[in-house]
C-alpha cells in the first residue's frame, strides 16, 4: 500500500494506492472517489461481527458499520476525506506502542490494525457524550483526522501535559491520566468549570487546534434568532 496526504492541514484528504488484493478499512461515509478496479464490502460490527457490535455500542461509529475497499488490480486508488475540515496524520502501528484514540478521529486503517473499545471509565471523556476511547495496536498504517490542524506534544516524567479534553485526538497508551476541574475553561455543556486531562509519564499526545463542541455550538446559536444566549440546547 502507498498513500499521499494532500491539501493539509486545513482540508486534508488521503489518496491510498493499493496493489492487487490489498485492502483498506474505513469508517462509513469517508470515500470521495475510487478507481473502477476498487471493490467495496460493508461489515456490521467489524471483525467480531454481531459480538463486536455489542462490545462497541457506546461508539459514535454510525450504525457500527466498517467499509472495506479492496483492489482487483495493481495501482488502484481510493480517496478518503474526513467529515470535517482539518488535518490527517498517518501512523505506522508496527513501529510504535499501542495508542488510545478518540473514536471520531479514526478515519481508516489496514486490516492487521487491531481495534478495541477501552472500558476504563473514559467513555465520558468528551463533552459530546457520543465519543469513546478506542485502543489501537497490531501492525499496519492507520489514519487519524482532526478538526483543524494536528499538533503533537511530548510528555516526559519531568514535564506533564494538561489538555482541554475536547482537543484530544490520540495519545500513547501507558501514561497516567487524571481529570481535573479548570476554572479557566467554560464547560461546553453545563457552564461553569470545564474539565481537563493531565498526562503524566512518557509518551506522545496528538491534539486538534479547533474545539468541535464550541464550533458547532456557536453555529447553532447563530441559527437560533430567539436565543438570548448560549445554553444547553445549543450543544444537543
Protein backbone atom coordinates (compact mmCIF):
# COMPACT_ATOMS: atom_id res chain seq x y z
CA UNK A 1 0.00 0.00 0.00
CA UNK A 2 1.12 3.54 -0.80
CA UNK A 3 -0.52 6.77 0.32
CA UNK A 4 -0.27 10.52 -0.09
CA UNK A 5 -1.89 13.14 2.13
CA UNK A 6 -2.92 16.22 0.14
CA UNK A 7 -4.49 19.61 0.90
CA UNK A 8 -3.29 19.55 4.52
CA UNK A 9 -3.55 20.95 7.10
CA UNK A 10 -6.90 22.67 6.51
CA UNK A 11 -8.79 20.43 4.09
CA UNK A 12 -6.75 17.24 4.12
CA UNK A 13 -7.53 14.11 2.13
CA UNK A 14 -5.56 10.89 1.75
CA UNK A 15 -5.10 9.07 -1.57
CA UNK A 16 -4.45 5.36 -0.96
CA UNK A 17 -2.99 3.29 -3.80
CA UNK A 18 -3.44 -0.47 -3.49
CA UNK A 19 -1.83 -3.41 -5.26
CA UNK A 20 -3.97 -6.33 -6.42
CA UNK A 21 -5.55 -7.97 -3.35
CA UNK A 22 -4.60 -5.24 -0.85
CA UNK A 23 -7.28 -3.73 1.38
CA UNK A 24 -8.01 -0.61 3.42
CA UNK A 25 -10.79 -0.41 6.02
CA UNK A 26 -12.61 2.84 6.82
CA UNK A 27 -15.38 4.38 8.87
CA UNK A 28 -18.62 4.99 6.91
CA UNK A 29 -19.06 7.94 4.59
CA UNK A 30 -15.42 8.97 4.07
CA UNK A 31 -14.84 7.84 0.47
CA UNK A 32 -14.66 10.74 -2.02
CA UNK A 33 -13.85 8.70 -5.13
CA UNK A 34 -12.20 5.49 -6.26
CA UNK A 35 -10.94 3.97 -9.46
CA UNK A 36 -13.01 1.31 -11.24
CA UNK A 37 -10.86 -1.57 -10.02
CA UNK A 38 -11.65 -0.94 -6.34
CA UNK A 39 -14.32 -3.18 -4.82
CA UNK A 40 -16.24 -2.49 -1.62
CA UNK A 41 -17.76 -4.52 1.21
CA UNK A 42 -19.56 -3.43 4.39
CA UNK A 43 -19.22 -5.30 7.67
CA UNK A 44 -21.53 -4.96 10.68
CA UNK A 45 -19.65 -4.87 13.96
CA UNK A 46 -16.19 -5.07 12.40
CA UNK A 47 -14.09 -8.24 12.51
CA UNK A 48 -16.03 -9.58 15.51
CA UNK A 49 -19.42 -9.48 13.76
CA UNK A 50 -22.52 -9.12 15.93
CA UNK A 51 -20.45 -9.73 19.09
CA UNK A 52 -18.32 -6.78 18.09
CA UNK A 53 -21.46 -4.68 17.74
CA UNK A 54 -22.41 -5.40 21.34
CA UNK A 55 -18.90 -4.55 22.53
CA UNK A 56 -18.93 -1.24 20.68
CA UNK A 57 -22.42 0.03 21.46
CA UNK A 58 -21.08 3.19 23.08
CA UNK A 59 -19.08 4.10 20.00
CA UNK A 60 -20.06 7.01 17.77
CA UNK A 61 -19.46 4.97 14.60
CA UNK A 62 -22.62 5.27 12.51
CA UNK A 63 -24.58 2.01 12.51
CA UNK A 64 -21.38 0.27 13.70
CA UNK A 65 -20.51 -0.47 10.07
CA UNK A 66 -16.98 -0.66 8.68
CA UNK A 67 -16.24 -0.37 4.98
CA UNK A 68 -13.52 -2.40 3.29
CA UNK A 69 -12.07 -1.30 -0.05
CA UNK A 70 -10.02 -3.88 -1.95
CA UNK A 71 -8.01 -3.71 -5.17
CA UNK A 72 -8.83 -6.06 -8.03
CA UNK A 73 -5.73 -5.00 -9.99
CA UNK A 74 -2.48 -3.17 -9.32
CA UNK A 75 -2.30 0.60 -8.84
CA UNK A 76 -5.95 1.11 -7.95
CA UNK A 77 -6.80 4.18 -5.87
CA UNK A 78 -9.34 5.26 -3.27
CA UNK A 79 -9.52 8.83 -1.90
CA UNK A 80 -10.68 9.33 1.68
CA UNK A 81 -11.81 12.59 3.29
CA UNK A 82 -12.82 13.38 6.91
CA UNK A 83 -16.32 14.59 7.78
CA UNK A 84 -14.99 18.00 8.83
CA UNK A 85 -12.28 20.39 7.63
CA UNK A 86 -8.92 19.65 9.15
CA UNK A 87 -5.76 17.59 9.08
CA UNK A 88 -4.81 13.92 8.64
CA UNK A 89 -1.86 12.09 10.19
CA UNK A 90 -0.60 8.64 9.16
CA UNK A 91 0.83 6.38 11.90
CA UNK A 92 2.56 3.01 11.45
CA UNK A 93 1.32 0.81 14.29
CA UNK A 94 4.12 -1.69 13.71
CA UNK A 95 6.67 0.95 14.70
CA UNK A 96 5.04 2.33 17.85
CA UNK A 97 3.36 1.46 21.11
CA UNK A 98 -0.37 0.92 21.45
CA UNK A 99 -2.47 4.07 21.07
CA UNK A 100 -5.64 5.43 22.61
CA UNK A 101 -7.75 7.32 20.07
CA UNK A 102 -10.85 9.48 20.22
CA UNK A 103 -13.31 7.39 18.19
CA UNK A 104 -14.45 10.24 15.95
CA UNK A 105 -10.88 10.79 14.73
CA UNK A 106 -10.30 7.27 13.39
CA UNK A 107 -10.53 7.60 9.60
CA UNK A 108 -9.04 4.43 8.10
CA UNK A 109 -6.73 1.51 8.91
CA UNK A 110 -5.08 -1.53 7.35
CA UNK A 111 -6.62 -4.94 8.15
CA UNK A 112 -3.91 -6.01 10.64
CA UNK A 113 -4.56 -2.98 12.87
CA UNK A 114 -6.50 -4.22 15.90
CA UNK A 115 -9.19 -2.06 17.48
CA UNK A 116 -10.88 -2.32 20.86
CA UNK A 117 -13.22 -0.20 22.97
CA UNK A 118 -11.45 0.80 26.16
CA UNK A 119 -13.71 0.19 29.18
CA UNK A 120 -11.63 2.27 31.56
CA UNK A 121 -14.07 4.93 32.71
CA UNK A 122 -13.07 7.06 29.71
CA UNK A 123 -16.35 6.72 27.80
CA UNK A 124 -17.42 10.13 29.13
CA UNK A 125 -14.07 11.78 28.47
CA UNK A 126 -15.51 14.14 25.86
CA UNK A 127 -18.21 16.80 26.20
CA UNK A 128 -20.37 15.47 23.38
CA UNK A 129 -21.11 12.25 25.28
CA UNK A 130 -21.09 10.43 21.94
CA UNK A 131 -17.36 9.76 21.60
CA UNK A 132 -15.48 6.96 23.26
CA UNK A 133 -11.86 5.86 23.58
CA UNK A 134 -10.58 3.22 21.17
CA UNK A 135 -7.43 1.15 21.59
CA UNK A 136 -5.23 0.65 18.50
CA UNK A 137 -2.49 -1.96 18.25
CA UNK A 138 -1.16 -4.54 15.81
CA UNK A 139 0.58 -3.86 12.51
CA UNK A 140 -0.13 -1.59 9.56
CA UNK A 141 -0.94 2.03 8.83
CA UNK A 142 -3.75 3.93 10.48
CA UNK A 143 -5.02 7.38 9.51
CA UNK A 144 -6.37 9.83 12.08
CA UNK A 145 -8.19 13.07 11.31
CA UNK A 146 -8.53 16.25 13.33
CA UNK A 147 -10.82 19.27 13.42
CA UNK A 148 -8.34 21.97 12.49
CA UNK A 149 -4.60 21.33 12.34
CA UNK A 150 -2.93 18.42 14.13
CA UNK A 151 -0.37 19.19 16.85
CA UNK A 152 1.85 16.61 18.58
CA UNK A 153 3.12 17.16 22.14
CA UNK A 154 5.77 15.18 24.02
CA UNK A 155 5.17 14.13 27.63
CA UNK A 156 8.16 13.32 29.86
CA UNK A 157 8.46 12.35 33.53
CA UNK A 158 9.72 15.88 34.20
CA UNK A 159 7.00 17.65 32.21
CA UNK A 160 3.35 16.66 32.45
CA UNK A 161 0.77 17.97 29.98
CA UNK A 162 -2.64 19.48 30.75
CA UNK A 163 -5.16 19.36 27.88
CA UNK A 164 -8.68 20.61 27.25
CA UNK A 165 -10.37 17.25 26.65
CA UNK A 166 -12.28 18.29 23.54
CA UNK A 167 -8.97 18.97 21.76
CA UNK A 168 -7.77 15.39 22.27
CA UNK A 169 -7.20 13.20 19.21
CA UNK A 170 -4.87 10.40 20.39
CA UNK A 171 -2.20 9.51 22.92
CA UNK A 172 0.30 6.80 23.72
CA UNK A 173 -1.05 4.05 25.96
CA UNK A 174 0.60 3.54 29.33
CA UNK A 175 0.67 7.12 30.56
CA UNK A 176 -1.15 8.06 33.76
CA UNK A 177 -4.26 10.18 33.15
CA UNK A 178 -6.13 12.23 35.72
CA UNK A 179 -9.10 14.55 35.26
CA UNK A 180 -9.24 17.95 36.91
CA UNK A 181 -11.64 20.87 37.02
CA UNK A 182 -10.28 24.03 35.47
CA UNK A 183 -11.96 27.35 36.17
CA UNK A 184 -10.35 28.91 33.12
CA UNK A 185 -12.48 26.70 30.85
CA UNK A 186 -16.20 27.07 30.38
CA UNK A 187 -17.92 23.71 30.20
CA UNK A 188 -19.46 23.43 26.75
CA UNK A 189 -22.47 21.56 28.09
CA UNK A 190 -23.35 22.74 31.58
CA UNK A 191 -21.47 26.01 32.02
CA UNK A 192 -19.15 26.80 34.89
CA UNK A 193 -15.86 24.96 35.29
CA UNK A 194 -14.61 22.75 32.49
CA UNK A 195 -12.58 19.55 32.72
CA UNK A 196 -9.00 18.99 31.63
CA UNK A 197 -6.92 15.84 31.44
CA UNK A 198 -3.41 15.73 32.92
CA UNK A 199 -0.95 13.32 31.28
CA UNK A 200 1.95 12.03 33.38
CA UNK A 201 4.75 9.69 32.39
CA UNK A 202 6.35 9.37 28.98
CA UNK A 203 4.65 9.39 25.60
CA UNK A 204 3.05 11.44 22.87
CA UNK A 205 -0.27 13.29 22.62
CA UNK A 206 -1.95 14.44 19.40
CA UNK A 207 -4.28 17.45 19.60
CA UNK A 208 -6.67 19.24 17.26
CA UNK A 209 -6.48 23.03 17.13
CA UNK A 210 -10.26 23.53 17.00
CA UNK A 211 -12.86 22.52 19.59
CA UNK A 212 -15.82 20.96 17.72
CA UNK A 213 -18.22 21.47 20.62
CA UNK A 214 -17.60 25.20 20.70
CA UNK A 215 -17.74 25.50 16.91
CA UNK A 216 -20.99 23.65 16.40
CA UNK A 217 -22.49 25.27 19.46
CA UNK A 218 -21.72 28.70 18.01
CA UNK A 219 -23.26 27.66 14.69
CA UNK A 220 -26.45 26.53 16.42
CA UNK A 221 -26.55 29.77 18.39
CA UNK A 222 -26.27 31.85 15.22
CA UNK A 223 -29.14 29.92 13.63
CA UNK A 224 -31.45 30.44 16.62
CA UNK A 225 -32.76 34.01 16.37
CA UNK A 226 -34.86 33.62 19.50
CA UNK A 227 -31.96 32.69 21.73
CA UNK A 228 -30.78 35.21 24.23
CA UNK A 229 -27.54 33.36 24.90
CA UNK A 230 -25.76 30.07 24.56
CA UNK A 231 -27.43 27.34 26.58
CA UNK A 232 -27.53 23.59 26.87
CA UNK A 233 -29.78 23.25 23.80
CA UNK A 234 -27.09 24.83 21.64
CA UNK A 235 -24.94 21.74 22.12
CA UNK A 236 -27.54 18.95 21.78
